[in-house]
Amino acid sequence: MNYQETVILKESREYKAAEALTDSINSMSWNPKKFGLAVSMQHRTLQQSLMKSFVAILHVMASDDYGYDDRNRGAHEAAKKIVESGFLDDIYLPFI
């Protein structure tokens, strides 16, 4: 991603949403299971859109040019295994 693309991305609502989520996660008291349960209480269409975003995150994190070090190596390797398995190829998540 070049500088101009980075500037545009940082101004997007997607970037702001990612920052809000990571700010929430950046706590020792974050509970992933509670987050999952909270998502399950949201509107069904939004759950579908969120899952589509999770799939996109996996593809980005699995990319060979994704920047990682020891702090996020496990996430990169897990994403890579999931993507390379082909499992995501058959997933259909329409906006309904």
N, C-alpha and C. Protein backbone atom coordinates (compact mmCIF):
# COMPACT_ATOMS: atom_id res chain seq x y z
N MET A 1 0.86 -1.16 0.00
CA MET A 1 0.00 0.00 0.00
C MET A 1 0.92 1.24 0.00
N ASN A 2 0.65 2.14 -0.92
CA ASN A 2 1.48 3.34 -0.98
C ASN A 2 1.00 4.40 0.02
N TYR A 3 1.74 5.48 0.11
CA TYR A 3 1.44 6.53 1.10
C TYR A 3 0.03 7.10 0.92
N GLN A 4 -0.33 7.41 -0.32
CA GLN A 4 -1.65 8.00 -0.59
C GLN A 4 -2.77 7.03 -0.18
N GLU A 5 -2.62 5.76 -0.48
CA GLU A 5 -3.62 4.77 -0.10
C GLU A 5 -3.71 4.65 1.42
N THR A 6 -2.58 4.76 2.10
CA THR A 6 -2.56 4.71 3.56
C THR A 6 -3.31 5.90 4.15
N VAL A 7 -3.08 7.08 3.60
CA VAL A 7 -3.77 8.29 4.07
C VAL A 7 -5.28 8.15 3.88
N ILE A 8 -5.68 7.68 2.72
CA ILE A 8 -7.11 7.50 2.44
C ILE A 8 -7.71 6.47 3.39
N LEU A 9 -7.00 5.34 3.59
CA LEU A 9 -7.51 4.30 4.49
C LEU A 9 -7.68 4.84 5.90
N LYS A 10 -6.71 5.61 6.39
CA LYS A 10 -6.78 6.12 7.76
C LYS A 10 -7.93 7.11 7.97
N GLU A 11 -8.49 7.62 6.89
CA GLU A 11 -9.63 8.53 6.98
C GLU A 11 -10.97 7.79 6.85
N SER A 12 -10.93 6.50 6.59
CA SER A 12 -12.15 5.74 6.33
C SER A 12 -12.83 5.30 7.63
N ARG A 13 -14.11 5.01 7.52
CA ARG A 13 -14.84 4.52 8.69
C ARG A 13 -14.39 3.11 9.06
N GLU A 14 -13.90 2.36 8.08
CA GLU A 14 -13.39 1.02 8.36
C GLU A 14 -12.16 1.10 9.27
N TYR A 15 -11.29 2.05 9.00
CA TYR A 15 -10.10 2.23 9.84
C TYR A 15 -10.52 2.63 11.25
N LYS A 16 -11.47 3.56 11.33
CA LYS A 16 -11.94 4.02 12.64
C LYS A 16 -12.59 2.88 13.42
N ALA A 17 -13.33 2.02 12.72
CA ALA A 17 -13.95 0.87 13.37
C ALA A 17 -12.89 -0.11 13.86
N ALA A 18 -11.86 -0.35 13.05
CA ALA A 18 -10.78 -1.24 13.45
C ALA A 18 -10.05 -0.69 14.68
N GLU A 19 -9.83 0.62 14.70
CA GLU A 19 -9.18 1.23 15.86
C GLU A 19 -10.05 1.11 17.11
N ALA A 20 -11.36 1.33 16.96
CA ALA A 20 -12.27 1.22 18.11
C ALA A 20 -12.26 -0.21 18.66
N LEU A 21 -12.27 -1.19 17.77
CA LEU A 21 -12.26 -2.58 18.21
C LEU A 21 -10.94 -2.93 18.88
N THR A 22 -9.82 -2.56 18.27
CA THR A 22 -8.53 -2.89 18.86
C THR A 22 -8.30 -2.13 20.17
N ASP A 23 -8.85 -0.93 20.28
CA ASP A 23 -8.76 -0.21 21.56
C ASP A 23 -9.50 -0.98 22.65
N SER A 24 -10.65 -1.56 22.30
CA SER A 24 -11.42 -2.34 23.27
C SER A 24 -10.68 -3.63 23.65
N ILE A 25 -10.08 -4.27 22.67
CA ILE A 25 -9.38 -5.53 22.89
C ILE A 25 -8.11 -5.32 23.72
N ASN A 26 -7.53 -4.14 23.67
CA ASN A 26 -6.27 -3.85 24.34
C ASN A 26 -6.47 -3.70 25.85
N SER A 27 -6.94 -4.77 26.46
CA SER A 27 -7.23 -4.78 27.88
C SER A 27 -7.12 -6.22 28.39
N MET A 28 -6.58 -6.38 29.56
CA MET A 28 -6.47 -7.72 30.14
C MET A 28 -7.84 -8.30 30.48
N SER A 29 -8.85 -7.44 30.56
CA SER A 29 -10.18 -7.93 30.93
C SER A 29 -11.04 -8.26 29.71
N TRP A 30 -10.49 -8.11 28.47
CA TRP A 30 -11.25 -8.44 27.26
C TRP A 30 -11.60 -9.92 27.27
N ASN A 31 -12.86 -10.21 26.97
CA ASN A 31 -13.34 -11.59 26.99
C ASN A 31 -13.85 -11.94 25.59
N PRO A 32 -13.07 -12.69 24.80
CA PRO A 32 -13.49 -13.03 23.44
C PRO A 32 -14.83 -13.76 23.39
N LYS A 33 -15.10 -14.62 24.37
CA LYS A 33 -16.38 -15.35 24.37
C LYS A 33 -17.54 -14.38 24.57
N LYS A 34 -17.39 -13.41 25.47
CA LYS A 34 -18.44 -12.40 25.67
C LYS A 34 -18.66 -11.60 24.39
N PHE A 35 -17.57 -11.29 23.70
CA PHE A 35 -17.68 -10.56 22.43
C PHE A 35 -18.49 -11.39 21.45
N GLY A 36 -18.18 -12.68 21.35
CA GLY A 36 -18.93 -13.56 20.46
C GLY A 36 -20.41 -13.60 20.81
N LEU A 37 -20.70 -13.70 22.10
CA LEU A 37 -22.11 -13.70 22.53
C LEU A 37 -22.78 -12.37 22.22
N ALA A 38 -22.06 -11.27 22.43
CA ALA A 38 -22.62 -9.95 22.14
C ALA A 38 -22.91 -9.80 20.64
N VAL A 39 -22.01 -10.31 19.80
CA VAL A 39 -22.24 -10.26 18.35
C VAL A 39 -23.49 -11.06 18.00
N SER A 40 -23.69 -12.19 18.69
CA SER A 40 -24.85 -13.03 18.38
C SER A 40 -26.16 -12.35 18.71
N MET A 41 -26.12 -11.27 19.46
CA MET A 41 -27.33 -10.53 19.82
C MET A 41 -27.61 -9.37 18.86
N GLN A 42 -26.71 -9.16 17.91
CA GLN A 42 -26.87 -8.07 16.94
C GLN A 42 -27.80 -8.51 15.80
N HIS A 43 -28.20 -7.55 15.00
CA HIS A 43 -29.07 -7.82 13.85
C HIS A 43 -28.44 -8.88 12.96
N ARG A 44 -29.23 -9.79 12.46
CA ARG A 44 -28.73 -10.94 11.68
C ARG A 44 -27.94 -10.51 10.44
N THR A 45 -28.41 -9.48 9.74
CA THR A 45 -27.68 -8.99 8.57
C THR A 45 -26.31 -8.45 8.98
N LEU A 46 -26.25 -7.77 10.12
CA LEU A 46 -24.97 -7.24 10.60
C LEU A 46 -24.03 -8.36 11.02
N GLN A 47 -24.58 -9.44 11.56
CA GLN A 47 -23.75 -10.60 11.89
C GLN A 47 -23.10 -11.16 10.62
N GLN A 48 -23.88 -11.22 9.56
CA GLN A 48 -23.38 -11.71 8.27
C GLN A 48 -22.28 -10.79 7.74
N SER A 49 -22.50 -9.48 7.83
CA SER A 49 -21.50 -8.51 7.37
C SER A 49 -20.23 -8.59 8.22
N LEU A 50 -20.39 -8.80 9.51
CA LEU A 50 -19.23 -8.93 10.38
C LEU A 50 -18.43 -10.19 10.03
N MET A 51 -19.12 -11.28 9.75
CA MET A 51 -18.43 -12.51 9.36
C MET A 51 -17.69 -12.30 8.05
N LYS A 52 -18.29 -11.56 7.11
CA LYS A 52 -17.62 -11.25 5.85
C LYS A 52 -16.33 -10.46 6.13
N SER A 53 -16.39 -9.56 7.11
CA SER A 53 -15.20 -8.79 7.49
C SER A 53 -14.15 -9.70 8.11
N PHE A 54 -14.57 -10.64 8.94
CA PHE A 54 -13.61 -11.59 9.54
C PHE A 54 -12.90 -12.40 8.45
N VAL A 55 -13.64 -12.83 7.44
CA VAL A 55 -13.04 -13.58 6.33
C VAL A 55 -12.02 -12.71 5.60
N ALA A 56 -12.37 -11.44 5.37
CA ALA A 56 -11.43 -10.51 4.72
C ALA A 56 -10.18 -10.32 5.56
N ILE A 57 -10.35 -10.22 6.88
CA ILE A 57 -9.20 -10.09 7.79
C ILE A 57 -8.28 -11.29 7.64
N LEU A 58 -8.85 -12.49 7.59
CA LEU A 58 -8.04 -13.70 7.44
C LEU A 58 -7.22 -13.65 6.15
N HIS A 59 -7.84 -13.22 5.05
CA HIS A 59 -7.12 -13.14 3.78
C HIS A 59 -5.98 -12.12 3.86
N VAL A 60 -6.22 -10.99 4.48
CA VAL A 60 -5.17 -9.97 4.62
C VAL A 60 -4.03 -10.50 5.49
N MET A 61 -4.38 -11.09 6.63
CA MET A 61 -3.36 -11.56 7.57
C MET A 61 -2.57 -12.75 7.02
N ALA A 62 -3.15 -13.51 6.11
CA ALA A 62 -2.48 -14.67 5.52
C ALA A 62 -1.53 -14.29 4.39
N SER A 63 -1.65 -13.09 3.90
CA SER A 63 -0.85 -12.64 2.76
C SER A 63 0.65 -12.69 3.07
N ASP A 64 1.44 -13.06 2.06
CA ASP A 64 2.89 -13.13 2.24
C ASP A 64 3.51 -11.76 2.50
N ASP A 65 2.85 -10.70 2.04
CA ASP A 65 3.41 -9.36 2.29
C ASP A 65 2.80 -8.70 3.54
N TYR A 66 2.08 -9.47 4.33
CA TYR A 66 1.53 -8.98 5.60
C TYR A 66 2.69 -8.84 6.58
N GLY A 67 2.83 -7.69 7.20
CA GLY A 67 3.92 -7.48 8.14
C GLY A 67 3.66 -8.17 9.48
N TYR A 68 4.58 -9.02 9.88
CA TYR A 68 4.43 -9.69 11.16
C TYR A 68 5.78 -9.89 11.82
N ASP A 69 5.75 -10.05 13.11
CA ASP A 69 6.92 -10.40 13.90
C ASP A 69 6.45 -11.38 14.96
N ASP A 70 7.22 -11.60 16.00
CA ASP A 70 6.84 -12.60 17.00
C ASP A 70 5.53 -12.27 17.71
N ARG A 71 5.16 -10.99 17.77
CA ARG A 71 3.93 -10.61 18.47
C ARG A 71 2.67 -11.04 17.73
N ASN A 72 2.73 -11.16 16.42
CA ASN A 72 1.54 -11.56 15.67
C ASN A 72 1.80 -12.71 14.69
N ARG A 73 2.94 -13.38 14.88
CA ARG A 73 3.29 -14.51 14.02
C ARG A 73 2.22 -15.62 14.09
N GLY A 74 1.73 -15.91 15.29
CA GLY A 74 0.71 -16.94 15.45
C GLY A 74 -0.55 -16.62 14.66
N ALA A 75 -0.97 -15.36 14.68
CA ALA A 75 -2.15 -14.94 13.93
C ALA A 75 -1.91 -15.09 12.43
N HIS A 76 -0.72 -14.69 11.97
CA HIS A 76 -0.39 -14.82 10.55
C HIS A 76 -0.40 -16.28 10.12
N GLU A 77 0.26 -17.13 10.90
CA GLU A 77 0.35 -18.54 10.55
C GLU A 77 -1.00 -19.23 10.60
N ALA A 78 -1.82 -18.89 11.58
CA ALA A 78 -3.17 -19.48 11.66
C ALA A 78 -4.01 -19.04 10.46
N ALA A 79 -3.96 -17.75 10.14
CA ALA A 79 -4.72 -17.24 8.99
C ALA A 79 -4.25 -17.92 7.71
N LYS A 80 -2.94 -18.07 7.56
CA LYS A 80 -2.38 -18.71 6.37
C LYS A 80 -2.88 -20.15 6.24
N LYS A 81 -2.90 -20.89 7.35
CA LYS A 81 -3.39 -22.27 7.31
C LYS A 81 -4.87 -22.33 6.92
N ILE A 82 -5.66 -21.42 7.47
CA ILE A 82 -7.09 -21.40 7.16
C ILE A 82 -7.31 -21.09 5.69
N VAL A 83 -6.62 -20.07 5.17
CA VAL A 83 -6.79 -19.69 3.77
C VAL A 83 -6.29 -20.79 2.84
N GLU A 84 -5.11 -21.33 3.14
CA GLU A 84 -4.53 -22.38 2.29
C GLU A 84 -5.33 -23.67 2.31
N SER A 85 -6.13 -23.89 3.36
CA SER A 85 -6.95 -25.11 3.43
C SER A 85 -8.04 -25.12 2.37
N GLY A 86 -8.36 -23.94 1.85
CA GLY A 86 -9.43 -23.85 0.86
C GLY A 86 -10.81 -23.75 1.48
N PHE A 87 -10.87 -23.85 2.78
CA PHE A 87 -12.15 -23.81 3.49
C PHE A 87 -12.94 -22.54 3.17
N LEU A 88 -12.26 -21.41 3.09
CA LEU A 88 -12.95 -20.14 2.86
C LEU A 88 -13.46 -19.99 1.43
N ASP A 89 -12.94 -20.80 0.52
CA ASP A 89 -13.33 -20.70 -0.89
C ASP A 89 -14.81 -21.02 -1.11
N ASP A 90 -15.37 -21.84 -0.26
CA ASP A 90 -16.76 -22.29 -0.43
C ASP A 90 -17.76 -21.50 0.40
N ILE A 91 -17.28 -20.48 1.10
CA ILE A 91 -18.17 -19.70 1.96
C ILE A 91 -18.88 -18.63 1.14
N TYR A 92 -20.19 -18.57 1.30
CA TYR A 92 -21.03 -17.59 0.61
C TYR A 92 -21.72 -16.75 1.66
N LEU A 93 -21.44 -15.46 1.68
CA LEU A 93 -22.00 -14.57 2.69
C LEU A 93 -22.68 -13.36 2.02
N PRO A 94 -23.87 -13.57 1.46
CA PRO A 94 -24.55 -12.47 0.77
C PRO A 94 -25.10 -11.42 1.74
N PHE A 95 -25.26 -10.23 1.25
CA PHE A 95 -25.91 -9.16 2.03
C PHE A 95 -27.41 -9.31 1.83
N ILE A 96 -28.12 -9.66 2.91
CA ILE A 96 -29.57 -9.88 2.83
C ILE A 96 -30.27 -8.96 3.82
